[in-house]
Amino acid sequence: MQYRHLGRSGLKVSELSLGSWVTFHNQVDISLAVEMMSAAYEAGVNFFDNAEVYAGGKSEEVMGAALKKLGWRRGSYLVSTKFYWGLHDGPNERNTLNRKRLIEAMNGSLGRLGLEYVDLVFCHRPDPTTPIEETVWAMHNLIEWGKAIYWGTSEWSAAEIAAAIEIAERHHLHKPVMEQPQYNMLERTRFEKEYARIFKDYGYGATTWSPLASGLLTGKYNQGIPEGSRGALKGYDWLRDHLTDEEKLAKVRALGPIAEGIGASMSQLALAWCLKNPNVSTVITGASRVEQVHENMKAVEFVDRLTPEVMAQIEAALGYE
């Protein structure tokens, strides 16, 4: 496992990390979370991603209980959380980044995680109804109070990110240092084009999510939606159109021989491809079984096998010739 700086910050994150979205609580209980997090940690992972909204707060509870059982030295790992959607329907409790919500959300997450602080905290989506300056001040205060160490954004536009950075610099506040965007072989335009100036001008870090396109890039949906898969989960009906998109599936099938040619699984090819991008600080992996964690961690072995020739074959398979 290699470690990369989180943008221009001094913090080093493992190039592969483990996230809890969809899986923790829904598919993974505390004992399995302990097993999976231990497997990742032993492989060199130091970053574990979470969010307030995942499983309505239950994901944080599962991770917090697992961390307590694991008993790792606090300085040896990083934990994140993210705020925006909220857990309740009050006017100041949902879909907002106002100061009241952010402070209350942080206290709630720390309680569920059983931690004194999180290492990374993200504004999970932009909030057009709250002035960015109010959000920047609140995030700055959370860091000053020792409840978080670094803050960032998730799925913000480049213009919104630049505005937040410039406000922070103007007032000498802690500025956002990382974005958490979707990035994979099938979803790359925003990361590679819109964010290009953010990486270049501000040295922004990136903790990318959905490297396997919700499992599509593993090839397991090539013949339909298997029982027990993410696409079959209750409440994830919105994923089905994506997982049965014939144009995308044709690209995934074309990638199969390329993965086979370098001796990798489809998952390992997709993860290694993400790692080839120097603007990626860490790729957040997901898993519902320990075997998947082991397989994903081996993706680092295939990065060097993605030669210019292989990368050209991938671009052709994806229709980027």
Protein backbone atom coordinates (compact mmCIF):
# COMPACT_ATOMS: atom_id res chain seq x y z
CA MET A 1 0.00 0.00 0.00
CA GLN A 2 1.26 3.44 -0.95
CA TYR A 3 0.28 6.66 0.85
CA ARG A 4 -0.56 9.90 -0.91
CA HIS A 5 -0.84 13.41 0.44
CA LEU A 6 -4.41 14.68 0.66
CA GLY A 7 -3.91 17.39 -1.94
CA ARG A 8 -1.41 19.97 -0.68
CA SER A 9 -2.17 19.19 2.96
CA GLY A 10 0.37 17.36 5.09
CA LEU A 11 -2.00 14.46 5.74
CA LYS A 12 -1.19 11.11 4.14
CA VAL A 13 -3.99 8.74 3.17
CA SER A 14 -3.72 5.15 1.96
CA GLU A 15 -4.27 5.00 -1.79
CA LEU A 16 -7.14 2.57 -1.17
CA SER A 17 -9.59 3.16 1.67
CA LEU A 18 -12.76 1.47 2.97
CA GLY A 19 -16.19 3.08 2.95
CA SER A 20 -19.43 2.12 4.67
CA TRP A 21 -22.08 3.42 2.24
CA VAL A 22 -24.87 0.88 1.53
CA THR A 23 -23.10 -1.94 3.37
CA PHE A 24 -22.69 -1.07 7.06
CA HIS A 25 -25.88 -1.95 8.98
CA ASN A 26 -27.77 -2.87 5.76
CA GLN A 27 -25.49 -5.79 4.83
CA VAL A 28 -22.70 -5.68 7.41
CA ASP A 29 -23.20 -6.10 11.17
CA ILE A 30 -20.67 -5.19 13.87
CA SER A 31 -18.80 -8.50 13.86
CA LEU A 32 -18.43 -8.48 10.07
CA ALA A 33 -17.42 -4.82 10.17
CA VAL A 34 -14.64 -5.73 12.63
CA GLU A 35 -13.46 -8.49 10.28
CA MET A 36 -13.57 -6.31 7.17
CA MET A 37 -11.96 -3.25 8.76
CA SER A 38 -9.24 -5.46 10.25
CA ALA A 39 -8.51 -7.00 6.83
CA ALA A 40 -8.25 -3.53 5.27
CA TYR A 41 -6.11 -2.18 8.12
CA GLU A 42 -3.72 -5.13 7.89
CA ALA A 43 -3.39 -4.41 4.14
CA GLY A 44 -2.29 -0.86 4.96
CA VAL A 45 -5.60 1.05 4.81
CA ASN A 46 -5.63 4.00 7.20
CA PHE A 47 -8.83 5.79 6.07
CA PHE A 48 -12.39 4.68 6.82
CA ASP A 49 -15.19 6.73 5.27
CA ASN A 50 -18.66 7.30 6.70
CA ALA A 51 -21.53 9.81 6.69
CA GLU A 52 -24.30 10.87 9.01
CA VAL A 53 -27.00 9.87 6.51
CA TYR A 54 -25.71 6.35 5.76
CA ALA A 55 -28.36 3.92 7.06
CA GLY A 56 -29.91 6.83 8.96
CA GLY A 57 -27.00 7.08 11.39
CA LYS A 58 -26.73 3.32 11.93
CA SER A 59 -23.62 3.07 9.73
CA GLU A 60 -21.75 5.36 12.11
CA GLU A 61 -22.95 3.30 15.07
CA VAL A 62 -21.67 0.08 13.47
CA MET A 63 -18.29 1.63 12.65
CA GLY A 64 -18.01 3.16 16.12
CA ALA A 65 -18.73 -0.18 17.80
CA ALA A 66 -16.22 -1.90 15.50
CA LEU A 67 -13.52 0.65 16.30
CA LYS A 68 -14.12 0.12 20.02
CA LYS A 69 -13.69 -3.63 19.60
CA LEU A 70 -10.59 -3.24 17.42
CA GLY A 71 -8.90 -0.91 19.90
CA TRP A 72 -6.48 0.58 17.40
CA ARG A 73 -4.19 3.45 18.37
CA ARG A 74 -6.13 6.59 17.42
CA GLY A 75 -3.23 8.14 15.54
CA SER A 76 -2.99 5.11 13.23
CA TYR A 77 -6.26 5.63 11.37
CA LEU A 78 -8.49 8.32 9.86
CA VAL A 79 -12.28 8.50 10.01
CA SER A 80 -14.59 10.80 8.08
CA THR A 81 -18.19 11.85 8.24
CA LYS A 82 -20.37 14.03 6.01
CA PHE A 83 -23.32 16.37 6.59
CA TYR A 84 -26.18 17.76 4.53
CA TRP A 85 -29.29 15.55 4.32
CA GLY A 86 -29.83 15.15 8.05
CA LEU A 87 -31.78 12.54 9.99
CA HIS A 88 -34.99 14.44 10.77
CA ASP A 89 -37.55 16.56 8.93
CA GLY A 90 -37.36 19.83 10.85
CA PRO A 91 -36.76 23.06 8.86
CA ASN A 92 -33.21 23.29 10.24
CA GLU A 93 -32.53 19.56 10.25
CA ARG A 94 -32.67 18.52 6.60
CA ASN A 95 -30.93 19.54 3.38
CA THR A 96 -28.95 22.38 4.89
CA LEU A 97 -25.41 23.48 5.74
CA ASN A 98 -26.43 26.23 8.12
CA ARG A 99 -24.37 26.80 11.25
CA LYS A 100 -26.89 25.31 13.68
CA ARG A 101 -27.23 22.08 11.70
CA LEU A 102 -23.49 21.59 11.18
CA ILE A 103 -22.65 21.97 14.86
CA GLU A 104 -25.50 19.72 15.99
CA ALA A 105 -24.68 17.17 13.27
CA MET A 106 -21.05 16.98 14.35
CA ASN A 107 -21.99 16.36 17.97
CA GLY A 108 -24.40 13.62 16.87
CA SER A 109 -21.86 11.88 14.65
CA LEU A 110 -19.14 11.94 17.28
CA GLY A 111 -21.55 10.33 19.73
CA ARG A 112 -22.46 7.55 17.29
CA LEU A 113 -18.83 6.95 16.31
CA GLY A 114 -17.63 7.06 19.91
CA LEU A 115 -14.81 9.44 18.94
CA GLU A 116 -13.57 12.76 20.30
CA TYR A 117 -12.95 14.01 16.76
CA VAL A 118 -13.11 12.97 13.12
CA ASP A 119 -10.11 13.46 10.88
CA LEU A 120 -12.09 14.56 7.81
CA VAL A 121 -15.53 16.18 7.63
CA PHE A 122 -17.30 16.90 4.36
CA CYS A 123 -20.19 19.12 3.34
CA HIS A 124 -22.01 16.26 1.62
CA ARG A 125 -23.70 18.44 -1.02
CA PRO A 126 -23.81 22.19 -1.71
CA ASP A 127 -26.59 24.18 -0.06
CA PRO A 128 -27.87 26.99 -2.29
CA THR A 129 -30.02 28.38 0.55
CA THR A 130 -27.17 29.06 3.01
CA PRO A 131 -24.44 31.63 2.26
CA ILE A 132 -21.16 29.83 1.60
CA GLU A 133 -19.52 32.23 4.06
CA GLU A 134 -21.73 30.94 6.91
CA THR A 135 -20.79 27.35 6.08
CA VAL A 136 -17.08 28.17 5.85
CA TRP A 137 -17.12 29.87 9.26
CA ALA A 138 -18.96 26.93 10.85
CA MET A 139 -16.52 24.39 9.41
CA HIS A 140 -13.60 26.56 10.56
CA ASN A 141 -15.05 26.61 14.08
CA LEU A 142 -15.49 22.83 14.16
CA ILE A 143 -11.79 22.50 13.43
CA GLU A 144 -10.82 25.19 15.96
CA TRP A 145 -12.86 23.38 18.62
CA GLY A 146 -10.99 20.12 17.91
CA LYS A 147 -14.03 18.24 16.61
CA ALA A 148 -12.48 17.77 13.14
CA ILE A 149 -9.00 18.18 11.67
CA TYR A 150 -9.63 18.85 7.97
CA TRP A 151 -12.78 19.77 6.08
CA GLY A 152 -13.86 19.47 2.50
CA THR A 153 -16.72 19.22 0.03
CA SER A 154 -18.58 16.47 -1.79
CA GLU A 155 -20.13 16.90 -5.23
CA TRP A 156 -19.75 20.69 -5.15
CA SER A 157 -19.21 22.55 -8.40
CA ALA A 158 -15.74 23.91 -9.13
CA ALA A 159 -17.13 27.45 -8.77
CA GLU A 160 -18.57 26.67 -5.32
CA ILE A 161 -15.30 25.11 -4.18
CA ALA A 162 -13.31 28.11 -5.42
CA ALA A 163 -15.70 30.48 -3.62
CA ALA A 164 -15.29 28.59 -0.32
CA ILE A 165 -11.50 28.58 -0.62
CA GLU A 166 -11.37 32.28 -1.45
CA ILE A 167 -13.66 33.21 1.48
CA ALA A 168 -11.49 31.17 3.84
CA GLU A 169 -8.30 32.75 2.53
CA ARG A 170 -9.76 36.27 2.79
CA HIS A 171 -10.68 35.77 6.47
CA HIS A 172 -7.66 33.57 7.36
CA LEU A 173 -9.91 30.61 8.16
CA HIS A 174 -9.33 26.88 7.79
CA LYS A 175 -10.11 26.30 4.14
CA PRO A 176 -11.49 23.15 2.52
CA VAL A 177 -8.72 20.88 1.28
CA MET A 178 -10.49 17.97 -0.41
CA GLU A 179 -13.47 16.98 -2.55
CA GLN A 180 -15.28 13.64 -2.47
CA PRO A 181 -16.58 13.12 -6.02
CA GLN A 182 -17.79 10.11 -7.91
CA TYR A 183 -15.05 8.87 -10.24
CA ASN A 184 -14.83 5.70 -12.28
CA MET A 185 -14.39 4.53 -15.87
CA LEU A 186 -18.03 5.38 -16.66
CA GLU A 187 -18.29 8.63 -14.68
CA ARG A 188 -15.32 10.90 -15.30
CA THR A 189 -16.25 14.19 -16.97
CA ARG A 190 -16.62 16.34 -13.85
CA PHE A 191 -13.47 14.95 -12.20
CA GLU A 192 -11.24 15.17 -15.26
CA LYS A 193 -12.58 18.41 -16.79
CA GLU A 194 -14.53 20.61 -14.38
CA TYR A 195 -12.23 19.99 -11.42
CA ALA A 196 -8.99 20.31 -13.42
CA ARG A 197 -8.46 23.94 -12.39
CA ILE A 198 -9.29 23.15 -8.74
CA PHE A 199 -6.54 20.54 -8.65
CA LYS A 200 -4.10 22.79 -10.51
CA ASP A 201 -4.83 26.15 -8.86
CA TYR A 202 -5.55 25.05 -5.30
CA GLY A 203 -3.92 21.64 -4.94
CA TYR A 204 -7.25 20.20 -3.84
CA GLY A 205 -7.27 16.58 -2.65
CA ALA A 206 -9.79 13.94 -3.77
CA THR A 207 -11.26 10.99 -1.88
CA THR A 208 -13.15 9.41 -4.76
CA TRP A 209 -16.23 7.21 -4.39
CA SER A 210 -17.99 4.54 -6.47
CA PRO A 211 -14.87 3.31 -8.32
CA LEU A 212 -16.83 0.23 -9.43
CA ALA A 213 -19.88 2.26 -10.55
CA SER A 214 -22.08 0.66 -7.85
CA GLY A 215 -20.80 -2.77 -8.87
CA LEU A 216 -21.43 -2.40 -12.61
CA LEU A 217 -17.69 -2.53 -13.38
CA THR A 218 -17.28 -5.85 -11.58
CA GLY A 219 -19.14 -7.55 -14.42
CA LYS A 220 -21.63 -9.20 -12.07
CA TYR A 221 -24.55 -7.37 -13.70
CA ASN A 222 -23.66 -8.45 -17.24
CA GLN A 223 -26.47 -11.02 -17.26
CA GLY A 224 -28.98 -9.15 -15.06
CA ILE A 225 -29.34 -8.27 -11.38
CA PRO A 226 -28.27 -11.19 -9.15
CA GLU A 227 -30.17 -11.90 -5.95
CA GLY A 228 -28.43 -10.49 -2.87
CA SER A 229 -26.53 -7.84 -4.86
CA ARG A 230 -26.73 -4.10 -4.21
CA GLY A 231 -29.09 -3.71 -7.14
CA ALA A 232 -31.55 -6.08 -5.48
CA LEU A 233 -31.57 -4.26 -2.12
CA LYS A 234 -34.82 -2.71 -0.91
CA GLY A 235 -34.71 1.07 -1.25
CA TYR A 236 -32.12 1.00 -4.05
CA ASP A 237 -34.58 0.79 -6.94
CA TRP A 238 -33.04 4.01 -8.31
CA LEU A 239 -29.87 2.05 -9.11
CA ARG A 240 -31.58 -0.43 -11.40
CA ASP A 241 -31.71 1.73 -14.51
CA HIS A 242 -27.96 2.33 -14.16
CA LEU A 243 -27.22 -1.37 -13.60
CA THR A 244 -29.26 -2.48 -16.61
CA ASP A 245 -28.10 0.22 -19.05
CA GLU A 246 -27.17 -1.79 -22.15
CA GLU A 247 -24.73 0.83 -23.48
CA LYS A 248 -22.78 0.76 -20.21
CA LEU A 249 -22.93 -3.03 -20.02
CA ALA A 250 -21.45 -3.29 -23.52
CA LYS A 251 -18.46 -1.23 -22.35
CA VAL A 252 -18.05 -3.41 -19.26
CA ARG A 253 -18.07 -6.55 -21.41
CA ALA A 254 -15.39 -5.01 -23.66
CA LEU A 255 -13.19 -4.45 -20.60
CA GLY A 256 -13.27 -8.13 -19.66
CA PRO A 257 -10.50 -9.31 -22.01
CA ILE A 258 -8.29 -6.38 -20.95
CA ALA A 259 -8.57 -7.36 -17.28
CA GLU A 260 -7.86 -10.98 -18.21
CA GLY A 261 -4.85 -9.89 -20.23
CA ILE A 262 -3.12 -8.36 -17.20
CA GLY A 263 -4.25 -11.12 -14.84
CA ALA A 264 -6.65 -8.91 -12.89
CA SER A 265 -10.29 -9.26 -11.96
CA MET A 266 -12.68 -6.65 -13.34
CA SER A 267 -12.80 -4.96 -9.91
CA GLN A 268 -9.02 -4.81 -9.68
CA LEU A 269 -8.77 -3.31 -13.17
CA ALA A 270 -11.32 -0.61 -12.31
CA LEU A 271 -9.59 0.30 -9.04
CA ALA A 272 -6.11 0.33 -10.58
CA TRP A 273 -7.42 2.60 -13.38
CA CYS A 274 -8.62 5.14 -10.81
CA LEU A 275 -5.26 5.02 -9.04
CA LYS A 276 -3.47 5.95 -12.27
CA ASN A 277 -4.89 9.47 -12.00
CA PRO A 278 -2.42 11.62 -9.99
CA ASN A 279 -5.25 13.88 -8.77
CA VAL A 280 -6.77 10.97 -6.82
CA SER A 281 -5.67 11.01 -3.18
CA THR A 282 -7.49 7.82 -2.22
CA VAL A 283 -10.04 5.50 -3.82
CA ILE A 284 -12.84 4.56 -1.43
CA THR A 285 -13.69 0.88 -1.84
CA GLY A 286 -16.82 -0.84 -0.59
CA ALA A 287 -17.47 -4.44 0.31
CA SER A 288 -20.10 -6.67 1.89
CA ARG A 289 -17.77 -9.65 2.39
CA VAL A 290 -14.22 -10.00 3.67
CA GLU A 291 -13.24 -11.79 0.46
CA GLN A 292 -14.10 -8.63 -1.48
CA VAL A 293 -11.83 -6.58 0.78
CA HIS A 294 -8.92 -8.94 0.10
CA GLU A 295 -9.57 -8.85 -3.66
CA ASN A 296 -9.85 -5.05 -3.74
CA MET A 297 -6.66 -4.51 -1.78
CA LYS A 298 -4.71 -6.50 -4.38
CA ALA A 299 -5.63 -3.89 -7.01
CA VAL A 300 -2.50 -1.92 -6.07
CA GLU A 301 -0.45 -4.70 -7.66
CA PHE A 302 -1.89 -3.95 -11.10
CA VAL A 303 -1.30 -0.20 -11.36
CA ASP A 304 2.12 -0.67 -12.97
CA ARG A 305 0.63 -3.13 -15.46
CA LEU A 306 -1.55 -0.35 -16.87
CA THR A 307 1.02 0.65 -19.46
CA PRO A 308 0.24 3.33 -22.07
CA GLU A 309 -0.74 0.51 -24.44
CA VAL A 310 -3.18 -1.02 -21.94
CA MET A 311 -4.60 2.40 -21.08
CA ALA A 312 -5.21 2.98 -24.80
CA GLN A 313 -7.06 -0.34 -25.01
CA ILE A 314 -9.23 0.75 -22.06
CA GLU A 315 -10.02 4.10 -23.72
CA ALA A 316 -11.03 2.27 -26.89
CA ALA A 317 -13.29 -0.11 -24.94
CA LEU A 318 -14.92 2.88 -23.26
CA GLY A 319 -15.42 4.68 -26.57
CA TYR A 320 -12.83 7.40 -26.00
CA GLU A 321 -10.73 6.66 -29.10
